[in-house]
Amino acid sequence: MSSQQTQNKREMPIAEVVRLIELVNYQEGAVVSRTLVHRATGTVTLFAFDEGQGLSEHTAPFDAVAHLLEGEAEIAVSGKPLRTKAGEAVLMPANQPHSLKALTRFKMLLTMIRS
């Protein structure tokens, strides 16, 4: 096992089956996140959004895939609102403005690809 894989105890365990939605809990009136994998090539982060919470419009220098695991959200990309529910995903391209809003409590896995 490399030192990079063992350096962060908060990352998901290696070579074990995990139930993603159980790795982060909702908090009233908040957005909670936990980085599961952090590498030079990208990150995988799990989020839990309480109903009505969100992330205001912003840009990122890398492509990112938002995969909803539970609940419903509106993900807007370049002003285009996309109603998204559990089992669905949205690719948010690098340098394009995007935002997220919880229509219900929702959990998502965000995969950022650095290239």
N, C-alpha and C. Protein backbone atom coordinates (compact mmCIF):
# COMPACT_ATOMS: atom_id res chain seq x y z
N MET A 1 0.85 -1.18 0.00
CA MET A 1 0.00 0.00 0.00
C MET A 1 0.90 1.24 0.00
N SER A 2 0.60 2.18 -0.88
CA SER A 2 1.44 3.38 -0.95
C SER A 2 1.13 4.31 0.21
N SER A 3 2.10 5.19 0.51
CA SER A 3 1.90 6.13 1.61
C SER A 3 0.77 7.10 1.28
N GLN A 4 0.56 7.39 -0.02
CA GLN A 4 -0.53 8.29 -0.40
C GLN A 4 -1.87 7.65 -0.04
N GLN A 5 -2.00 6.34 -0.19
CA GLN A 5 -3.25 5.67 0.11
C GLN A 5 -3.52 5.58 1.60
N THR A 6 -2.50 5.64 2.43
CA THR A 6 -2.71 5.50 3.86
C THR A 6 -2.64 6.82 4.61
N GLN A 7 -2.29 7.91 3.95
CA GLN A 7 -2.06 9.17 4.65
C GLN A 7 -3.33 9.80 5.20
N ASN A 8 -4.47 9.58 4.60
CA ASN A 8 -5.69 10.23 5.05
C ASN A 8 -6.69 9.18 5.54
N LYS A 9 -6.88 9.10 6.83
CA LYS A 9 -7.78 8.11 7.43
C LYS A 9 -9.24 8.36 7.07
N ARG A 10 -9.57 9.57 6.62
CA ARG A 10 -10.95 9.89 6.25
C ARG A 10 -11.30 9.36 4.86
N GLU A 11 -10.30 9.00 4.07
CA GLU A 11 -10.60 8.44 2.75
C GLU A 11 -11.28 7.09 2.91
N MET A 12 -11.97 6.67 1.87
CA MET A 12 -12.66 5.39 1.95
C MET A 12 -11.63 4.27 2.03
N PRO A 13 -11.98 3.16 2.66
CA PRO A 13 -11.04 2.05 2.80
C PRO A 13 -10.70 1.44 1.44
N ILE A 14 -9.51 0.91 1.33
CA ILE A 14 -9.03 0.31 0.09
C ILE A 14 -9.40 -1.17 0.07
N ALA A 15 -9.86 -1.63 -1.08
CA ALA A 15 -10.19 -3.04 -1.32
C ALA A 15 -11.25 -3.55 -0.34
N GLU A 16 -12.24 -2.70 -0.04
CA GLU A 16 -13.38 -3.09 0.80
C GLU A 16 -14.65 -2.57 0.16
N VAL A 17 -15.73 -3.29 0.34
CA VAL A 17 -17.04 -2.83 -0.13
C VAL A 17 -17.57 -1.83 0.90
N VAL A 18 -18.02 -0.68 0.40
CA VAL A 18 -18.60 0.33 1.29
C VAL A 18 -19.96 0.76 0.74
N ARG A 19 -20.82 1.17 1.63
CA ARG A 19 -22.11 1.72 1.24
C ARG A 19 -21.96 3.24 1.28
N LEU A 20 -21.82 3.84 0.11
CA LEU A 20 -21.48 5.26 0.00
C LEU A 20 -22.40 6.16 0.81
N ILE A 21 -23.71 5.96 0.71
CA ILE A 21 -24.63 6.89 1.38
C ILE A 21 -24.51 6.86 2.89
N GLU A 22 -23.83 5.86 3.43
CA GLU A 22 -23.63 5.80 4.88
C GLU A 22 -22.34 6.48 5.34
N LEU A 23 -21.54 6.96 4.40
CA LEU A 23 -20.25 7.57 4.75
C LEU A 23 -20.35 9.06 5.08
N VAL A 24 -21.53 9.64 4.86
CA VAL A 24 -21.75 11.04 5.21
C VAL A 24 -23.19 11.19 5.67
N ASN A 25 -23.40 12.03 6.69
CA ASN A 25 -24.74 12.22 7.26
C ASN A 25 -25.24 13.63 6.99
N TYR A 26 -26.57 13.74 6.92
CA TYR A 26 -27.19 15.06 6.78
C TYR A 26 -27.05 15.83 8.08
N GLN A 27 -26.93 17.16 7.94
CA GLN A 27 -26.99 18.06 9.09
C GLN A 27 -28.01 19.15 8.74
N GLU A 28 -28.88 19.44 9.70
CA GLU A 28 -29.93 20.43 9.46
C GLU A 28 -29.33 21.76 9.04
N GLY A 29 -29.83 22.30 7.92
CA GLY A 29 -29.42 23.61 7.43
C GLY A 29 -28.00 23.69 6.91
N ALA A 30 -27.44 22.54 6.51
CA ALA A 30 -26.02 22.55 6.13
C ALA A 30 -25.75 21.67 4.91
N VAL A 31 -24.56 21.88 4.37
CA VAL A 31 -23.98 21.02 3.35
C VAL A 31 -22.77 20.36 4.00
N VAL A 32 -22.72 19.04 3.95
CA VAL A 32 -21.63 18.28 4.56
C VAL A 32 -20.87 17.57 3.45
N SER A 33 -19.55 17.55 3.54
CA SER A 33 -18.76 16.84 2.53
C SER A 33 -17.67 16.00 3.18
N ARG A 34 -17.28 14.97 2.45
CA ARG A 34 -16.20 14.09 2.88
C ARG A 34 -15.44 13.65 1.64
N THR A 35 -14.15 13.94 1.59
CA THR A 35 -13.32 13.50 0.47
C THR A 35 -12.99 12.03 0.65
N LEU A 36 -13.35 11.24 -0.35
CA LEU A 36 -13.13 9.80 -0.29
C LEU A 36 -11.83 9.37 -0.95
N VAL A 37 -11.45 10.10 -2.00
CA VAL A 37 -10.20 9.83 -2.72
C VAL A 37 -9.61 11.17 -3.11
N HIS A 38 -8.33 11.36 -2.82
CA HIS A 38 -7.66 12.60 -3.19
C HIS A 38 -6.32 12.24 -3.83
N ARG A 39 -6.23 12.46 -5.13
CA ARG A 39 -5.01 12.16 -5.88
C ARG A 39 -4.67 13.36 -6.75
N ALA A 40 -3.46 13.39 -7.25
CA ALA A 40 -3.04 14.47 -8.13
C ALA A 40 -3.91 14.51 -9.39
N THR A 41 -4.43 13.38 -9.81
CA THR A 41 -5.22 13.28 -11.04
C THR A 41 -6.70 13.59 -10.84
N GLY A 42 -7.15 13.68 -9.58
CA GLY A 42 -8.54 14.01 -9.34
C GLY A 42 -8.99 13.68 -7.93
N THR A 43 -10.23 14.04 -7.64
CA THR A 43 -10.79 13.77 -6.32
C THR A 43 -12.19 13.18 -6.46
N VAL A 44 -12.58 12.43 -5.44
CA VAL A 44 -13.93 11.91 -5.33
C VAL A 44 -14.44 12.36 -3.97
N THR A 45 -15.52 13.13 -3.96
CA THR A 45 -16.04 13.72 -2.73
C THR A 45 -17.52 13.38 -2.61
N LEU A 46 -17.92 12.99 -1.41
CA LEU A 46 -19.30 12.67 -1.11
C LEU A 46 -19.92 13.87 -0.39
N PHE A 47 -21.11 14.27 -0.82
CA PHE A 47 -21.80 15.42 -0.23
C PHE A 47 -23.18 15.01 0.27
N ALA A 48 -23.63 15.67 1.34
CA ALA A 48 -25.01 15.57 1.83
C ALA A 48 -25.54 16.99 1.97
N PHE A 49 -26.61 17.31 1.24
CA PHE A 49 -27.23 18.63 1.26
C PHE A 49 -28.56 18.54 1.96
N ASP A 50 -28.79 19.38 2.95
CA ASP A 50 -30.11 19.46 3.56
C ASP A 50 -31.04 20.17 2.57
N GLU A 51 -32.33 19.91 2.66
CA GLU A 51 -33.31 20.53 1.76
C GLU A 51 -33.16 22.05 1.79
N GLY A 52 -33.15 22.65 0.59
CA GLY A 52 -33.04 24.10 0.46
C GLY A 52 -31.61 24.62 0.43
N GLN A 53 -30.66 23.78 0.80
CA GLN A 53 -29.26 24.21 0.78
C GLN A 53 -28.69 24.09 -0.63
N GLY A 54 -27.55 24.71 -0.88
CA GLY A 54 -26.96 24.62 -2.20
C GLY A 54 -25.57 25.21 -2.25
N LEU A 55 -25.07 25.25 -3.45
CA LEU A 55 -23.80 25.91 -3.74
C LEU A 55 -24.10 26.97 -4.79
N SER A 56 -23.73 28.20 -4.51
CA SER A 56 -24.01 29.29 -5.44
C SER A 56 -23.18 29.12 -6.71
N GLU A 57 -23.56 29.86 -7.73
CA GLU A 57 -22.89 29.73 -9.03
C GLU A 57 -21.40 30.00 -8.89
N HIS A 58 -20.62 29.11 -9.49
CA HIS A 58 -19.16 29.22 -9.46
C HIS A 58 -18.60 28.46 -10.65
N THR A 59 -17.31 28.57 -10.87
CA THR A 59 -16.65 27.79 -11.92
C THR A 59 -15.53 26.99 -11.28
N ALA A 60 -15.10 25.96 -11.98
CA ALA A 60 -13.98 25.15 -11.53
C ALA A 60 -13.07 24.92 -12.74
N PRO A 61 -11.77 24.79 -12.52
CA PRO A 61 -10.86 24.64 -13.64
C PRO A 61 -10.82 23.23 -14.24
N PHE A 62 -11.65 22.31 -13.71
CA PHE A 62 -11.64 20.92 -14.16
C PHE A 62 -13.06 20.43 -14.41
N ASP A 63 -13.20 19.43 -15.28
CA ASP A 63 -14.48 18.76 -15.46
C ASP A 63 -14.86 18.06 -14.16
N ALA A 64 -16.16 17.99 -13.89
CA ALA A 64 -16.64 17.28 -12.71
C ALA A 64 -17.95 16.59 -13.05
N VAL A 65 -18.14 15.39 -12.50
CA VAL A 65 -19.38 14.64 -12.67
C VAL A 65 -20.08 14.58 -11.32
N ALA A 66 -21.32 15.07 -11.28
CA ALA A 66 -22.16 15.00 -10.08
C ALA A 66 -23.13 13.84 -10.27
N HIS A 67 -23.02 12.83 -9.42
CA HIS A 67 -23.87 11.63 -9.49
C HIS A 67 -24.73 11.59 -8.24
N LEU A 68 -26.04 11.79 -8.40
CA LEU A 68 -26.94 11.77 -7.24
C LEU A 68 -27.18 10.34 -6.77
N LEU A 69 -27.02 10.15 -5.47
CA LEU A 69 -27.21 8.84 -4.86
C LEU A 69 -28.56 8.73 -4.18
N GLU A 70 -29.11 9.88 -3.79
CA GLU A 70 -30.34 9.92 -3.00
C GLU A 70 -30.95 11.30 -3.16
N GLY A 71 -32.28 11.41 -3.23
CA GLY A 71 -32.95 12.70 -3.26
C GLY A 71 -33.01 13.35 -4.63
N GLU A 72 -33.31 14.67 -4.63
CA GLU A 72 -33.45 15.44 -5.86
C GLU A 72 -32.77 16.80 -5.72
N ALA A 73 -32.17 17.24 -6.84
CA ALA A 73 -31.49 18.53 -6.85
C ALA A 73 -31.70 19.21 -8.19
N GLU A 74 -31.51 20.51 -8.18
CA GLU A 74 -31.42 21.25 -9.43
C GLU A 74 -29.96 21.62 -9.62
N ILE A 75 -29.40 21.15 -10.71
CA ILE A 75 -28.02 21.50 -11.06
C ILE A 75 -28.11 22.37 -12.30
N ALA A 76 -27.62 23.59 -12.19
CA ALA A 76 -27.64 24.50 -13.33
C ALA A 76 -26.24 24.59 -13.91
N VAL A 77 -26.13 24.43 -15.22
CA VAL A 77 -24.86 24.53 -15.92
C VAL A 77 -25.01 25.60 -16.99
N SER A 78 -24.20 26.65 -16.91
CA SER A 78 -24.26 27.77 -17.84
C SER A 78 -25.69 28.30 -17.97
N GLY A 79 -26.38 28.40 -16.81
CA GLY A 79 -27.73 28.95 -16.77
C GLY A 79 -28.83 27.98 -17.14
N LYS A 80 -28.48 26.75 -17.53
CA LYS A 80 -29.48 25.75 -17.90
C LYS A 80 -29.80 24.88 -16.68
N PRO A 81 -31.04 25.01 -16.12
CA PRO A 81 -31.40 24.21 -14.94
C PRO A 81 -31.70 22.76 -15.33
N LEU A 82 -31.15 21.83 -14.57
CA LEU A 82 -31.36 20.40 -14.81
C LEU A 82 -31.88 19.76 -13.54
N ARG A 83 -33.14 19.35 -13.56
CA ARG A 83 -33.71 18.65 -12.40
C ARG A 83 -33.14 17.24 -12.42
N THR A 84 -32.50 16.87 -11.31
CA THR A 84 -31.74 15.62 -11.25
C THR A 84 -32.19 14.83 -10.03
N LYS A 85 -32.31 13.51 -10.18
CA LYS A 85 -32.73 12.67 -9.05
C LYS A 85 -31.79 11.49 -8.90
N ALA A 86 -31.98 10.75 -7.81
CA ALA A 86 -31.12 9.61 -7.49
C ALA A 86 -30.96 8.70 -8.71
N GLY A 87 -29.72 8.30 -8.95
CA GLY A 87 -29.40 7.43 -10.08
C GLY A 87 -29.01 8.18 -11.33
N GLU A 88 -29.12 9.52 -11.31
CA GLU A 88 -28.77 10.33 -12.48
C GLU A 88 -27.49 11.11 -12.22
N ALA A 89 -26.85 11.54 -13.32
CA ALA A 89 -25.58 12.26 -13.21
C ALA A 89 -25.54 13.40 -14.22
N VAL A 90 -24.74 14.40 -13.90
CA VAL A 90 -24.56 15.57 -14.78
C VAL A 90 -23.06 15.85 -14.89
N LEU A 91 -22.58 16.04 -16.12
CA LEU A 91 -21.20 16.46 -16.35
C LEU A 91 -21.17 17.98 -16.36
N MET A 92 -20.36 18.54 -15.48
CA MET A 92 -20.19 19.99 -15.41
C MET A 92 -18.81 20.30 -16.00
N PRO A 93 -18.78 20.89 -17.20
CA PRO A 93 -17.50 21.11 -17.86
C PRO A 93 -16.65 22.18 -17.19
N ALA A 94 -15.36 22.04 -17.34
CA ALA A 94 -14.40 23.00 -16.79
C ALA A 94 -14.73 24.41 -17.26
N ASN A 95 -14.56 25.35 -16.37
CA ASN A 95 -14.69 26.78 -16.66
C ASN A 95 -16.09 27.24 -17.06
N GLN A 96 -17.10 26.40 -16.86
CA GLN A 96 -18.49 26.78 -17.13
C GLN A 96 -19.18 27.04 -15.79
N PRO A 97 -19.91 28.13 -15.65
CA PRO A 97 -20.57 28.40 -14.37
C PRO A 97 -21.63 27.34 -14.07
N HIS A 98 -21.68 26.92 -12.80
CA HIS A 98 -22.67 25.93 -12.38
C HIS A 98 -23.04 26.19 -10.92
N SER A 99 -24.21 25.68 -10.55
CA SER A 99 -24.71 25.82 -9.18
C SER A 99 -25.54 24.59 -8.86
N LEU A 100 -25.78 24.37 -7.56
CA LEU A 100 -26.58 23.24 -7.11
C LEU A 100 -27.54 23.71 -6.03
N LYS A 101 -28.77 23.16 -6.06
CA LYS A 101 -29.75 23.47 -5.02
C LYS A 101 -30.51 22.20 -4.68
N ALA A 102 -30.66 21.94 -3.39
CA ALA A 102 -31.37 20.75 -2.92
C ALA A 102 -32.88 20.98 -2.99
N LEU A 103 -33.56 20.25 -3.86
CA LEU A 103 -35.03 20.30 -3.92
C LEU A 103 -35.60 19.46 -2.78
N THR A 104 -34.90 18.39 -2.44
CA THR A 104 -35.13 17.58 -1.24
C THR A 104 -33.74 17.35 -0.66
N ARG A 105 -33.66 16.77 0.51
CA ARG A 105 -32.33 16.36 0.97
C ARG A 105 -31.74 15.45 -0.11
N PHE A 106 -30.46 15.64 -0.40
CA PHE A 106 -29.85 14.74 -1.37
C PHE A 106 -28.39 14.49 -1.04
N LYS A 107 -27.93 13.34 -1.52
CA LYS A 107 -26.51 12.98 -1.41
C LYS A 107 -25.98 12.78 -2.81
N MET A 108 -24.75 13.23 -3.03
CA MET A 108 -24.15 13.06 -4.34
C MET A 108 -22.68 12.73 -4.21
N LEU A 109 -22.20 12.05 -5.22
CA LEU A 109 -20.79 11.75 -5.36
C LEU A 109 -20.26 12.66 -6.44
N LEU A 110 -19.26 13.47 -6.13
CA LEU A 110 -18.66 14.39 -7.09
C LEU A 110 -17.28 13.88 -7.46
N THR A 111 -17.09 13.62 -8.74
CA THR A 111 -15.79 13.17 -9.24
C THR A 111 -15.20 14.29 -10.06
N MET A 112 -14.07 14.85 -9.59
CA MET A 112 -13.39 15.92 -10.31
C MET A 112 -12.19 15.31 -11.02
N ILE A 113 -12.09 15.61 -12.30
CA ILE A 113 -11.04 15.04 -13.15
C ILE A 113 -10.06 16.14 -13.49
N ARG A 114 -8.87 16.04 -12.97
CA ARG A 114 -7.85 17.05 -13.27
C ARG A 114 -7.05 16.61 -14.48
N SER A 115 -7.10 17.43 -15.53
CA SER A 115 -6.33 17.09 -16.72
C SER A 115 -5.97 18.35 -17.48
